[in-house]
Protein backbone atom coordinates (compact mmCIF):
# COMPACT_ATOMS: atom_id res chain seq x y z
CA MET A 1 -50.41 -27.44 57.03
CA ILE A 2 -52.57 -27.10 53.78
CA TRP A 3 -52.18 -30.29 52.45
CA VAL A 4 -52.96 -32.16 56.13
CA GLY A 5 -56.08 -29.94 56.48
CA PHE A 6 -56.99 -31.04 52.76
CA GLU A 7 -56.68 -34.52 53.45
CA ARG A 8 -58.58 -34.51 57.29
CA ARG A 9 -61.58 -33.10 55.39
CA LEU A 10 -61.15 -35.68 52.56
CA GLY A 11 -61.53 -38.27 54.89
CA ALA A 12 -64.52 -36.72 56.46
CA ALA A 13 -66.22 -36.43 53.65
CA ALA A 14 -65.33 -40.04 52.70
CA LEU A 15 -66.52 -41.22 56.13
CA MET A 16 -70.04 -38.81 56.44
CA THR A 17 -70.65 -41.08 52.35
CA ALA A 18 -69.88 -44.22 53.73
CA GLY A 19 -72.06 -43.66 56.80
CA ALA A 20 -74.60 -42.83 54.58
CA VAL A 21 -74.52 -45.64 52.26
CA LEU A 22 -74.58 -47.66 55.69
CA LEU A 23 -78.26 -46.04 56.79
CA SER A 24 -79.88 -46.58 53.21
CA SER A 25 -78.98 -50.14 52.82
CA LEU A 26 -79.90 -51.09 56.71
CA GLY A 27 -83.66 -49.54 55.93
CA SER A 28 -86.15 -49.02 58.82
CA SER A 29 -85.45 -51.91 61.37
CA GLY A 30 -81.42 -51.35 60.55
CA ALA A 31 -80.79 -48.43 63.18
CA ALA A 32 -81.42 -50.92 65.94
CA ASN A 33 -78.04 -52.80 64.98
CA ALA A 34 -76.21 -50.32 63.51
CA GLN A 35 -73.88 -50.57 66.77
CA THR A 36 -72.81 -53.88 65.30
CA VAL A 37 -71.44 -52.83 62.62
CA THR A 38 -67.89 -50.92 61.83
CA VAL A 39 -67.49 -49.09 58.24
CA ALA A 40 -63.82 -47.43 58.03
CA PRO A 41 -63.44 -44.78 55.61
CA PRO A 42 -61.21 -45.16 52.69
CA ALA A 43 -57.56 -44.82 53.21
CA VAL A 44 -56.85 -41.28 51.58
CA THR A 45 -53.21 -39.90 51.33
CA VAL A 46 -52.92 -36.44 49.80
CA LYS A 47 -48.98 -35.13 49.11
CA ALA A 48 -47.43 -32.24 47.94
CA VAL A 49 -46.32 -32.49 44.40
CA GLY A 50 -42.24 -33.83 44.82
CA THR A 51 -42.15 -33.93 48.86
CA THR A 52 -43.77 -35.76 51.40
CA VAL A 53 -46.22 -34.32 54.12
CA PHE A 54 -44.19 -32.91 57.16
CA ALA A 55 -45.06 -32.36 60.46
CA ALA A 56 -42.44 -30.00 62.18
CA PRO A 57 -41.35 -30.73 65.88
CA GLY A 58 -41.49 -27.25 66.31
CA GLU A 59 -37.57 -27.25 68.86
CA THR A 60 -35.66 -24.69 68.38
CA LEU A 61 -32.26 -25.34 67.06
CA SER A 62 -28.96 -23.71 67.55
CA ILE A 63 -25.11 -24.66 66.24
CA GLY A 64 -24.22 -27.32 68.22
CA ALA A 65 -27.16 -29.01 69.15
CA LYS A 66 -27.56 -32.38 69.24
CA GLY A 67 -30.69 -35.13 69.39
CA ALA A 68 -33.38 -36.38 67.00
CA ALA A 69 -35.32 -33.18 66.13
CA VAL A 70 -31.68 -32.31 64.53
CA ALA A 71 -31.87 -35.76 62.56
CA VAL A 72 -35.39 -34.55 61.50
CA LEU A 73 -34.04 -31.30 60.48
CA GLN A 74 -31.26 -32.80 58.71
CA THR A 75 -33.57 -35.83 57.23
CA ARG A 76 -36.39 -32.81 56.31
CA LEU A 77 -33.56 -30.63 54.07
CA LYS A 78 -32.07 -33.61 52.18
CA GLU A 79 -35.25 -34.75 50.66
CA LEU A 80 -35.62 -31.26 49.54
CA GLY A 81 -32.27 -31.08 47.80
CA TYR A 82 -29.91 -29.66 50.44
CA ALA A 83 -27.02 -31.22 51.89
CA PRO A 84 -26.83 -30.84 54.95
CA GLY A 85 -24.26 -33.71 55.50
CA GLY A 86 -24.40 -36.75 57.32
CA ILE A 87 -28.34 -37.60 59.08
CA ASP A 88 -26.02 -37.78 62.61
CA GLY A 89 -28.75 -35.43 64.93
CA ARG A 90 -25.19 -33.07 65.69
CA TYR A 91 -25.87 -29.33 64.31
CA GLY A 92 -22.60 -28.55 62.78
CA GLY A 93 -21.43 -26.52 59.97
CA ALA A 94 -22.57 -28.49 57.05
CA THR A 95 -26.55 -28.52 58.40
CA GLN A 96 -25.72 -24.71 58.99
CA ALA A 97 -25.43 -24.22 55.40
CA ALA A 98 -28.22 -26.14 54.36
CA VAL A 99 -30.43 -23.98 56.74
CA TRP A 100 -28.77 -21.08 54.96
CA ALA A 101 -29.69 -22.04 51.73
CA PHE A 102 -32.78 -22.75 52.80
CA GLN A 103 -33.68 -19.55 54.11
CA LYS A 104 -32.44 -17.95 51.69
CA VAL A 105 -34.67 -19.65 48.91
CA ASN A 106 -37.40 -19.48 51.17
CA GLY A 107 -37.47 -15.75 51.78
CA ILE A 108 -36.07 -15.65 55.36
CA THR A 109 -33.26 -13.78 57.04
CA PRO A 110 -30.51 -16.68 56.94
CA THR A 111 -29.75 -17.41 60.59
CA SER A 112 -28.12 -20.80 62.41
CA THR A 113 -31.39 -20.52 64.65
CA VAL A 114 -33.76 -23.01 63.42
CA ALA A 115 -37.34 -21.67 65.09
CA SER A 116 -41.11 -21.64 64.42
CA ARG A 117 -40.68 -19.51 61.62
CA THR A 118 -38.41 -21.71 59.37
CA TRP A 119 -40.16 -24.81 61.25
CA LYS A 120 -43.24 -23.60 59.11
CA ALA A 121 -41.36 -22.88 55.74
CA LEU A 122 -40.20 -26.34 56.35
CA GLU A 123 -43.86 -27.66 56.48
CA ASN A 124 -44.86 -25.79 53.42
CA PRO A 125 -41.45 -25.25 51.06
CA VAL A 126 -40.93 -23.48 48.04
CA ALA A 127 -38.70 -24.24 45.25
CA PRO A 128 -35.75 -22.03 44.11
CA PRO A 129 -36.45 -19.35 41.67
CA VAL A 130 -35.93 -21.06 37.97
CA LEU A 131 -33.13 -18.61 36.56
CA VAL A 132 -33.23 -19.87 32.87
CA PRO A 133 -36.56 -21.29 32.18
CA ARG A 134 -36.11 -22.74 29.12
CA GLY A 135 -32.34 -24.04 30.01
CA ARG A 136 -31.17 -27.33 29.06
CA PRO A 137 -32.54 -30.21 31.49
CA THR A 138 -28.99 -30.44 33.15
CA ARG A 139 -27.21 -27.10 34.65
CA VAL A 140 -26.55 -25.14 36.89
CA GLU A 141 -27.82 -22.45 37.96
CA MET A 142 -26.07 -19.27 40.24
CA ASN A 143 -28.08 -16.97 41.84
CA LEU A 144 -25.39 -14.29 42.61
CA THR A 145 -28.93 -12.46 44.41
CA LYS A 146 -29.19 -15.48 47.02
CA GLN A 147 -26.06 -16.69 46.98
CA VAL A 148 -27.42 -19.71 45.85
CA MET A 149 -26.51 -22.77 43.28
CA VAL A 150 -29.00 -24.99 41.90
CA LEU A 151 -27.84 -27.79 40.35
CA TYR A 152 -30.53 -29.54 37.67
CA VAL A 153 -30.25 -33.03 36.63
CA ASP A 154 -32.70 -34.30 33.89
CA GLY A 155 -35.39 -31.28 34.69
CA ARG A 156 -35.27 -31.85 38.65
CA VAL A 157 -33.71 -30.54 41.55
CA LYS A 158 -30.87 -32.32 42.51
CA LEU A 159 -28.95 -30.47 44.96
CA ILE A 160 -29.13 -26.54 46.41
CA SER A 161 -26.44 -25.13 47.99
CA HIS A 162 -25.04 -21.93 49.83
CA THR A 163 -21.87 -20.67 48.25
CA SER A 164 -20.11 -17.07 48.50
CA SER A 165 -18.89 -15.58 45.55
CA GLY A 166 -16.92 -12.82 44.18
CA SER A 167 -17.02 -9.92 46.89
CA GLY A 168 -16.66 -7.41 44.31
CA ILE A 169 -13.98 -5.57 46.24
CA PRO A 170 -10.93 -4.57 44.06
CA TYR A 171 -7.84 -6.70 45.25
CA CYS A 172 -3.64 -6.79 44.79
CA GLU A 173 -2.42 -9.39 46.12
CA THR A 174 1.44 -10.72 46.21
CA ALA A 175 2.03 -15.12 46.31
CA ASN A 176 5.24 -16.84 44.75
CA TRP A 177 3.98 -18.10 41.42
CA ASN A 178 5.73 -20.04 39.03
CA GLY A 179 8.79 -19.71 41.31
CA LYS A 180 8.96 -16.19 41.50
CA VAL A 181 6.91 -13.05 43.28
CA GLN A 182 4.61 -12.06 41.22
CA ARG A 183 1.78 -9.33 42.03
CA PHE A 184 -1.85 -9.96 41.15
CA CYS A 185 -4.96 -7.58 41.05
CA GLY A 186 -8.53 -7.75 39.86
CA ASP A 187 -11.56 -6.69 40.66
CA ALA A 188 -13.26 -9.26 42.34
CA ARG A 189 -15.92 -10.34 40.10
CA THR A 190 -18.22 -13.36 39.59
CA PRO A 191 -19.06 -12.23 36.28
CA THR A 192 -23.19 -12.96 35.23
CA GLY A 193 -23.33 -14.90 31.99
CA ASP A 194 -24.22 -18.25 30.27
CA TYR A 195 -20.84 -20.18 30.52
CA ARG A 196 -20.05 -24.36 30.49
CA THR A 197 -18.03 -26.74 33.00
CA THR A 198 -14.77 -27.39 31.51
CA TRP A 199 -11.14 -28.53 33.85
CA ARG A 200 -11.45 -29.89 36.94
CA ARG A 201 -9.03 -30.81 39.23
CA ASP A 202 -9.88 -33.76 42.67
CA GLY A 203 -8.69 -33.02 46.09
CA TRP A 204 -6.86 -29.32 46.74
CA HIS A 205 -5.81 -27.60 43.68
CA ARG A 206 -3.20 -24.59 44.84
CA SER A 207 -3.95 -21.25 42.25
CA TYR A 208 -1.84 -18.00 42.60
CA LEU A 209 -4.56 -16.77 44.69
CA GLY A 210 -5.10 -19.59 47.15
CA GLN A 211 -6.33 -23.35 47.61
CA LEU A 212 -9.13 -24.86 45.79
CA TYR A 213 -11.19 -27.89 47.05
CA ASN A 214 -12.12 -30.05 43.99
CA PRO A 215 -12.78 -27.15 41.78
CA ILE A 216 -15.00 -27.30 38.49
CA PHE A 217 -13.94 -23.96 36.39
CA PHE A 218 -16.80 -22.77 33.77
CA ASN A 219 -15.25 -18.73 33.21
CA GLY A 220 -11.51 -18.93 32.43
CA GLY A 221 -10.25 -19.10 36.16
CA ILE A 222 -13.55 -18.77 37.85
CA ALA A 223 -14.55 -22.17 39.59
CA PHE A 224 -16.99 -23.88 41.86
CA HIS A 225 -15.06 -25.19 44.84
CA GLY A 226 -15.24 -25.97 48.78
CA ALA A 227 -13.49 -23.70 50.65
CA LEU A 228 -12.86 -23.37 54.58
CA SER A 229 -14.96 -20.30 55.14
CA VAL A 230 -18.29 -19.75 53.13
CA PRO A 231 -19.56 -16.67 54.66
CA LEU A 232 -23.04 -15.41 54.21
CA ALA A 233 -21.59 -12.15 52.18
CA PRO A 234 -19.64 -12.69 49.09
CA ALA A 235 -16.15 -12.72 49.61
CA SER A 236 -14.18 -14.54 46.79
CA HIS A 237 -11.65 -13.18 44.22
CA GLY A 238 -14.30 -14.33 41.71
CA CYS A 239 -14.92 -17.88 42.12
CA VAL A 240 -17.86 -19.63 43.60
CA ARG A 241 -17.13 -21.08 47.25
CA LEU A 242 -19.31 -24.28 48.48
CA PRO A 243 -19.23 -26.07 51.70
CA MET A 244 -16.73 -28.54 52.35
CA ASN A 245 -19.32 -31.34 51.82
CA VAL A 246 -21.33 -29.86 49.17
CA ALA A 247 -17.53 -30.01 47.00
CA ALA A 248 -16.79 -33.27 48.13
CA VAL A 249 -20.00 -34.52 46.20
CA LEU A 250 -20.10 -32.21 43.13
CA PRO A 251 -17.58 -33.67 40.79
CA GLY A 252 -19.94 -36.84 40.91
CA LEU A 253 -23.08 -35.07 40.15
CA LEU A 254 -21.48 -32.54 37.74
CA GLY A 255 -20.06 -33.56 34.09
CA LYS A 256 -17.71 -31.90 31.75
CA ASP A 257 -19.65 -29.13 29.03
CA VAL A 258 -23.00 -28.94 31.64
CA PRO A 259 -24.26 -25.14 30.91
CA VAL A 260 -24.06 -22.79 33.86
CA HIS A 261 -26.16 -19.79 34.33
CA VAL A 262 -25.14 -17.00 36.18
CA ARG A 263 -27.88 -14.35 37.13
CA GLY A 264 -28.60 -11.40 39.42
CA ARG A 265 -26.19 -8.94 41.63
CA PHE A 266 -25.50 -9.60 45.29
CA VAL A 267 -26.32 -5.82 47.37
CA ARG A 268 -24.94 -5.42 50.75
């Protein structure tokens, strides 16, 4: 890792300088007694901006794995702003969704397996691309291309999540709504544009197209909400599906009237 190598070079340089100063002060007779003097190099710690130096365990992990390496993975993801669920050493669905989000941001084809490429990226992670450089310090950016949502709070990344937005496949469905059977049709798109968060509901909310968990609406009937199924490809009627653990905490992080910027296009 670049930062670790830099740290070692700094430490070595500091040691050589300290040794040169010592020999100079000892003079010509100092060499004989030099072995009795110990000079430690000054402590030097160099960290990447916004994160700590991280050494990956390198163990290949997949869904269902348990143990210390999984806890290390979860801790690292959480430190970087992702939401792997509890730090419990169990590789379940919440951790898988966080791994997917991280891989997508770092240009890795998403997979539930964490192997050498993902570990290396965890050592040298990249930040999510900023979609609105002049946006408000607190805002949401929804990247339809990568299927990733980023919440910024006071100019800093607060949360990065895997999502599944509108499938783009036209639909017509029949539902019992307001006491009568009705037919609803649409194009299943999540429109791009600039919006703001509006109303919300706590817990499960029934809409005419299904159940939404902790929905936060930002464009008419389109909302961020938790869902039991959040696949890698866009699959919703137009809302932005979130993993359940993300939807559980998002209402406490995302207030009303916060800008929401939707950009990009998913290519199947």
